[in-house]
Amino acid sequence: MPQKLEMKIKLAGIELSNPVLAASGTFGYGIEFEEIVALDRIGGFVTKGISLEPMAGNAAPRIVQTAAGMMNAIGLQNIGVEAFIAEKLPLLARYKQTKVFVNVFGSSVGDYCAVIERLNDAAGIAAYELNVSCPNVHAGGMSFGSDAGELEYLVTKAKAVAKRPLIVKLSPNVTSIAHMAQVAAAAGADALSLVNTFMALAIDVNTRKPRLANITGGLSGPAIKPIALRMVYEAARAVSIPIIGLGGIVTAEDAVEFLLAGATAVEVGTANFADPRATEKIAHDLESWCRSHQVEKVTSLIGGLELPAPQQ
């Protein structure tokens, strides 16, 4: 008989058909991918960052390829919360099994809370992902994620108004990811997602100018995976709330590593640019991997890293 396999997980009280989600900023508003990706075969997806008012983003060039990855400085371009509710959410209503997580951004605490309050009355949203870690904007973003006091204040205020679970997306550009995880959890976060991109710089040696108009950008892709994995491991040991791991996931084996390090779910980001079906393929391959390794419940992988015995 075929091996019975349970791929469902619960994340902050939300049941997902599997632990693989598409990451914010790499999957548009979700609806753009419906003719390419079988949305009902992934656990869910996170929309691009939604702000109170529309944002044009940064000047071009905004993306540059790097060794084993890419840098971006998009600048959170989006249509604003009102247009998102009116134009995008209704189109996603038919996908009942795939959970929609909305990434929320603001340049002030008031902006964050105003976006959440507007979304509270909209149907079809599973949770909010609070973006406190974008390195490519001049106000808000990483400034909240790199200062413990500001992070605590923002999460406290956002949690007070949110009528849905609140996931806080942490910045890797900090001294101690474990400490920031503890701050967010203590302030009321229902889950954490980590990591966002690393601040980086690329230079054109012929023109002697930065390759990005923004000068710096966020580094993502396979090059950051070992660092992201270490940070997920450290955060998972520091808090008891669920963690979504991301950073350079390209294969099912990459996803398994994050689960073993302590993540409850994973997000696939940069891989979507190389292959728009990457998230769906990784979800499928993760199920195949579990079958071939006699894993009956994918949840049994969470935190399953076996550490060497301490030396005497």
Protein backbone atom coordinates (compact mmCIF):
# COMPACT_ATOMS: atom_id res chain seq x y z
CA MET A 1 0.00 0.00 0.00
CA PRO A 2 1.20 3.57 -0.63
CA GLN A 3 2.69 5.23 2.41
CA LYS A 4 0.21 7.48 4.21
CA LEU A 5 1.66 10.98 4.33
CA GLU A 6 0.38 14.06 6.12
CA MET A 7 1.66 17.30 4.60
CA LYS A 8 -0.68 19.68 6.46
CA ILE A 9 0.71 22.02 9.06
CA LYS A 10 -0.67 24.66 11.40
CA LEU A 11 0.93 28.07 11.47
CA ALA A 12 -0.31 30.48 14.13
CA GLY A 13 -3.62 28.62 14.10
CA ILE A 14 -3.87 28.65 10.28
CA GLU A 15 -4.04 25.27 8.56
CA LEU A 16 -1.94 25.00 5.41
CA SER A 17 -2.13 22.12 2.93
CA ASN A 18 1.67 22.00 2.96
CA PRO A 19 4.47 24.10 4.47
CA VAL A 20 5.66 25.75 1.24
CA LEU A 21 4.70 29.36 0.52
CA ALA A 22 5.79 31.91 -2.08
CA ALA A 23 7.65 34.85 -0.57
CA SER A 24 6.69 38.49 -0.69
CA GLY A 25 8.08 40.53 -3.53
CA THR A 26 8.60 37.50 -5.76
CA PHE A 27 4.99 36.48 -6.45
CA GLY A 28 3.27 39.79 -7.20
CA TYR A 29 -0.24 39.87 -5.81
CA GLY A 30 -0.59 36.15 -6.49
CA ILE A 31 -3.19 36.46 -9.18
CA GLU A 32 -0.55 37.13 -11.86
CA PHE A 33 0.70 33.56 -11.43
CA GLU A 34 -2.60 31.69 -11.68
CA GLU A 35 -2.07 30.67 -15.32
CA ILE A 36 1.43 29.40 -14.58
CA VAL A 37 1.23 27.96 -11.07
CA ALA A 38 -1.43 25.64 -9.66
CA LEU A 39 -2.12 27.86 -6.67
CA ASP A 40 -4.06 25.13 -4.88
CA ARG A 41 -0.89 23.01 -4.75
CA ILE A 42 1.10 25.41 -2.59
CA GLY A 43 0.43 26.13 1.05
CA GLY A 44 -0.03 29.82 0.37
CA PHE A 45 1.73 32.96 -0.76
CA VAL A 46 2.69 36.35 0.63
CA THR A 47 1.73 39.38 -1.42
CA LYS A 48 4.20 42.10 -2.26
CA GLY A 49 4.37 44.82 0.39
CA ILE A 50 1.15 46.83 0.65
CA SER A 51 1.33 50.44 1.83
CA LEU A 52 -1.32 53.01 2.73
CA GLU A 53 -0.81 54.95 -0.50
CA PRO A 54 0.53 53.72 -3.87
CA MET A 55 4.32 53.71 -4.17
CA ALA A 56 6.31 54.04 -7.38
CA GLY A 57 9.42 52.38 -5.99
CA ASN A 58 13.02 53.24 -6.74
CA ALA A 59 14.57 54.40 -10.00
CA ALA A 60 16.04 51.85 -12.44
CA PRO A 61 18.22 49.85 -12.59
CA ARG A 62 16.63 48.00 -9.66
CA ILE A 63 17.84 44.41 -10.13
CA VAL A 64 21.31 43.02 -10.74
CA GLN A 65 22.48 39.43 -10.98
CA THR A 66 25.18 38.25 -8.59
CA ALA A 67 27.10 35.04 -8.06
CA ALA A 68 24.54 32.50 -6.80
CA GLY A 69 21.83 35.09 -6.40
CA MET A 70 20.65 38.60 -7.14
CA MET A 71 20.41 42.07 -5.65
CA ASN A 72 17.29 44.18 -5.78
CA ALA A 73 16.28 47.68 -4.81
CA ILE A 74 12.67 47.71 -6.01
CA GLY A 75 11.61 49.99 -3.18
CA LEU A 76 8.27 48.31 -2.37
CA GLN A 77 6.43 49.47 -5.48
CA ASN A 78 2.73 48.70 -5.04
CA ILE A 79 -0.78 49.93 -5.86
CA GLY A 80 -1.75 50.84 -2.28
CA VAL A 81 -4.17 49.19 0.10
CA GLU A 82 -7.41 50.56 -1.38
CA ALA A 83 -6.64 49.35 -4.90
CA PHE A 84 -5.39 46.03 -3.55
CA ILE A 85 -8.68 45.40 -1.75
CA ALA A 86 -10.80 46.51 -4.69
CA GLU A 87 -8.84 45.00 -7.59
CA LYS A 88 -6.74 42.06 -6.40
CA LEU A 89 -8.43 40.36 -3.45
CA PRO A 90 -11.74 39.57 -5.23
CA LEU A 91 -9.84 37.67 -7.93
CA LEU A 92 -8.26 35.42 -5.30
CA ALA A 93 -11.54 34.48 -3.64
CA ARG A 94 -11.92 31.26 -5.64
CA TYR A 95 -8.73 29.78 -4.21
CA LYS A 96 -10.10 28.47 -0.94
CA GLN A 97 -7.27 26.07 -0.10
CA THR A 98 -4.37 28.43 -0.74
CA LYS A 99 -3.89 30.92 2.07
CA VAL A 100 -3.21 34.57 1.29
CA PHE A 101 -0.82 36.41 3.58
CA VAL A 102 -0.58 40.17 3.08
CA ASN A 103 2.79 41.82 3.58
CA VAL A 104 2.23 45.19 5.27
CA PHE A 105 4.58 48.16 5.09
CA GLY A 106 4.58 51.74 6.34
CA SER A 107 6.93 54.66 6.82
CA SER A 108 5.55 55.21 10.32
CA VAL A 109 3.81 53.19 13.02
CA GLY A 110 0.59 55.01 12.15
CA ASP A 111 0.89 53.97 8.51
CA TYR A 112 1.38 50.31 9.42
CA CYS A 113 -1.65 50.36 11.69
CA ALA A 114 -3.80 52.19 9.14
CA VAL A 115 -3.07 49.56 6.48
CA ILE A 116 -3.92 46.75 8.90
CA GLU A 117 -7.15 48.45 9.97
CA ARG A 118 -8.18 48.78 6.33
CA LEU A 119 -7.38 45.13 5.65
CA ASN A 120 -9.24 43.94 8.75
CA ASP A 121 -12.57 44.41 6.98
CA ALA A 122 -11.47 42.67 3.77
CA ALA A 123 -12.28 39.00 3.16
CA GLY A 124 -9.90 36.29 2.00
CA ILE A 125 -6.82 37.12 4.07
CA ALA A 126 -5.27 34.54 6.41
CA ALA A 127 -2.72 36.72 8.22
CA TYR A 128 -0.51 39.78 8.01
CA GLU A 129 3.25 39.71 7.50
CA LEU A 130 4.68 42.85 9.07
CA ASN A 131 7.61 44.00 6.96
CA VAL A 132 10.13 45.54 9.33
CA SER A 133 13.15 44.52 7.31
CA CYS A 134 13.22 46.01 3.81
CA PRO A 135 16.67 47.61 3.25
CA ASN A 136 15.65 49.44 0.07
CA VAL A 137 13.47 52.30 1.31
CA HIS A 138 14.43 55.55 2.99
CA ALA A 139 11.75 55.58 5.70
CA GLY A 140 10.38 52.73 7.80
CA GLY A 141 11.37 49.25 6.76
CA MET A 142 14.66 48.16 8.23
CA SER A 143 14.79 51.04 10.71
CA PHE A 144 12.09 49.26 12.71
CA GLY A 145 13.69 45.85 12.36
CA SER A 146 17.17 46.87 13.46
CA ASP A 147 16.23 48.75 16.65
CA ALA A 148 14.80 46.62 19.47
CA GLY A 149 12.86 49.50 21.02
CA GLU A 150 11.24 50.55 17.75
CA LEU A 151 10.46 46.94 16.88
CA GLU A 152 8.77 46.37 20.22
CA TYR A 153 6.68 49.53 19.88
CA LEU A 154 5.59 48.78 16.30
CA VAL A 155 4.67 45.14 16.96
CA THR A 156 2.73 46.12 20.09
CA LYS A 157 0.72 48.74 18.22
CA ALA A 158 0.14 46.52 15.18
CA LYS A 159 -0.97 43.60 17.33
CA ALA A 160 -3.47 45.83 19.13
CA VAL A 161 -5.32 46.63 15.89
CA ALA A 162 -4.83 43.39 13.93
CA LYS A 163 -7.87 41.10 13.77
CA ARG A 164 -5.80 38.34 12.17
CA PRO A 165 -2.54 36.59 13.15
CA LEU A 166 0.52 38.82 12.94
CA ILE A 167 3.73 37.48 11.43
CA VAL A 168 6.79 39.69 11.83
CA LYS A 169 9.40 39.52 9.07
CA LEU A 170 12.76 40.10 10.71
CA SER A 171 15.85 41.73 9.26
CA PRO A 172 19.12 39.78 9.13
CA ASN A 173 21.03 43.05 9.32
CA VAL A 174 21.22 42.95 13.12
CA THR A 175 23.73 41.94 15.75
CA SER A 176 21.58 39.22 17.34
CA ILE A 177 18.67 37.65 15.47
CA ALA A 178 17.76 35.67 18.59
CA HIS A 179 17.31 38.87 20.60
CA MET A 180 15.15 40.52 17.94
CA ALA A 181 13.07 37.36 17.71
CA GLN A 182 12.51 37.48 21.46
CA VAL A 183 11.55 41.17 21.29
CA ALA A 184 8.98 40.55 18.55
CA ALA A 185 7.55 37.51 20.34
CA ALA A 186 7.25 39.34 23.64
CA ALA A 187 5.49 42.23 21.89
CA GLY A 188 2.78 39.88 20.62
CA ALA A 189 3.92 38.43 17.30
CA ASP A 190 2.06 35.21 16.48
CA ALA A 191 4.88 33.98 14.23
CA LEU A 192 8.13 35.18 12.66
CA SER A 193 9.49 35.00 9.13
CA LEU A 194 13.22 35.23 8.51
CA VAL A 195 15.31 36.24 6.84
CA ASN A 196 14.82 39.16 4.52
CA THR A 197 17.65 40.26 2.20
CA PHE A 198 21.13 41.31 3.29
CA MET A 199 22.32 44.83 2.53
CA ALA A 200 24.84 44.65 -0.30
CA LEU A 201 26.68 46.63 -2.96
CA ALA A 202 27.66 45.88 -6.57
CA ILE A 203 29.98 48.09 -8.65
CA ASP A 204 30.45 48.33 -12.41
CA VAL A 205 34.24 48.51 -12.73
CA ASN A 206 34.05 50.01 -16.22
CA THR A 207 31.87 52.97 -15.27
CA ARG A 208 33.04 52.96 -11.62
CA LYS A 209 29.42 53.44 -10.61
CA PRO A 210 27.05 51.34 -8.49
CA ARG A 211 25.08 48.80 -10.53
CA LEU A 212 21.89 49.84 -8.74
CA ALA A 213 20.45 53.35 -8.91
CA ASN A 214 19.72 53.07 -5.17
CA ILE A 215 23.48 52.38 -4.67
CA THR A 216 22.86 49.50 -2.25
CA GLY A 217 20.31 46.71 -2.49
CA GLY A 218 19.15 43.52 -0.88
CA LEU A 219 21.13 40.35 -1.60
CA SER A 220 19.10 37.15 -1.93
CA GLY A 221 19.37 33.69 -3.46
CA PRO A 222 21.38 30.54 -2.73
CA ALA A 223 24.41 32.57 -1.64
CA ILE A 224 22.66 33.60 1.58
CA LYS A 225 21.16 30.19 2.47
CA PRO A 226 23.77 29.04 5.02
CA ILE A 227 23.51 32.34 6.90
CA ALA A 228 19.71 32.34 6.76
CA LEU A 229 19.67 28.75 7.99
CA ARG A 230 21.89 29.65 10.94
CA MET A 231 19.62 32.55 11.85
CA VAL A 232 16.48 30.39 11.70
CA TYR A 233 18.22 27.88 13.97
CA GLU A 234 19.15 30.60 16.48
CA ALA A 235 15.70 32.20 16.43
CA ALA A 236 13.92 28.86 16.81
CA ARG A 237 15.94 28.14 19.96
CA ALA A 238 15.10 31.58 21.38
CA VAL A 239 11.29 31.68 20.98
CA SER A 240 8.34 29.31 21.17
CA ILE A 241 6.21 30.87 18.41
CA PRO A 242 6.33 29.37 14.87
CA ILE A 243 8.98 30.46 12.39
CA ILE A 244 8.81 30.67 8.61
CA GLY A 245 12.26 30.16 7.15
CA LEU A 246 13.45 31.70 3.91
CA GLY A 247 16.66 32.58 2.16
CA GLY A 248 18.01 30.81 -0.91
CA ILE A 249 15.56 27.90 -1.04
CA VAL A 250 15.75 26.30 -4.49
CA THR A 251 15.13 22.59 -3.85
CA ALA A 252 13.04 20.40 -1.58
CA GLU A 253 16.22 19.49 0.27
CA ASP A 254 16.77 23.18 1.02
CA ALA A 255 13.28 23.31 2.51
CA VAL A 256 13.99 20.24 4.62
CA GLU A 257 17.10 21.92 6.03
CA PHE A 258 15.04 24.88 7.22
CA LEU A 259 12.44 22.60 8.79
CA LEU A 260 15.15 20.63 10.59
CA ALA A 261 16.64 23.91 11.83
CA GLY A 262 13.32 24.73 13.49
CA ALA A 263 11.09 26.35 10.87
CA THR A 264 7.42 25.34 10.77
CA ALA A 265 7.06 26.51 7.16
CA VAL A 266 9.23 27.98 4.41
CA GLU A 267 8.94 30.71 1.82
CA VAL A 268 10.43 30.47 -1.66
CA GLY A 269 11.63 33.78 -3.04
CA THR A 270 14.40 34.41 -5.57
CA ALA A 271 13.90 30.98 -7.18
CA ASN A 272 10.58 32.29 -8.57
CA PHE A 273 12.47 34.71 -10.81
CA ALA A 274 14.42 31.87 -12.43
CA ASP A 275 11.36 29.62 -12.61
CA PRO A 276 7.87 31.00 -11.92
CA ARG A 277 6.74 27.48 -10.94
CA ALA A 278 9.52 27.03 -8.38
CA THR A 279 7.24 27.20 -5.33
CA GLU A 280 4.85 24.60 -6.75
CA LYS A 281 7.72 22.31 -7.76
CA ILE A 282 9.36 22.53 -4.35
CA ALA A 283 6.03 21.72 -2.66
CA HIS A 284 5.64 18.66 -4.93
CA ASP A 285 9.25 17.57 -4.46
CA LEU A 286 9.02 17.97 -0.69
CA GLU A 287 6.15 15.49 -0.64
CA SER A 288 8.19 13.09 -2.78
CA TRP A 289 11.19 13.52 -0.50
CA CYS A 290 9.10 12.70 2.55
CA ARG A 291 7.77 9.55 0.89
CA SER A 292 11.20 8.36 -0.13
CA HIS A 293 12.55 8.96 3.38
CA GLN A 294 9.63 7.27 5.17
CA VAL A 295 8.45 10.53 6.76
CA GLU A 296 4.78 10.05 7.68
CA LYS A 297 4.16 13.61 8.89
CA VAL A 298 6.04 16.60 7.55
CA THR A 299 5.67 18.20 10.97
CA SER A 300 7.99 15.53 12.38
CA LEU A 301 10.86 17.28 10.60
CA ILE A 302 10.40 20.55 12.49
CA GLY A 303 13.36 21.11 14.80
CA GLY A 304 14.69 17.63 14.04
CA LEU A 305 18.32 18.65 13.69
CA GLU A 306 20.49 16.09 15.49
CA LEU A 307 23.38 17.79 17.24
CA PRO A 308 26.65 16.07 18.02
CA ALA A 309 27.12 14.92 21.58
CA PRO A 310 29.14 17.39 23.67
CA GLN A 311 32.78 16.44 24.07
CA GLN A 312 33.88 15.39 27.54
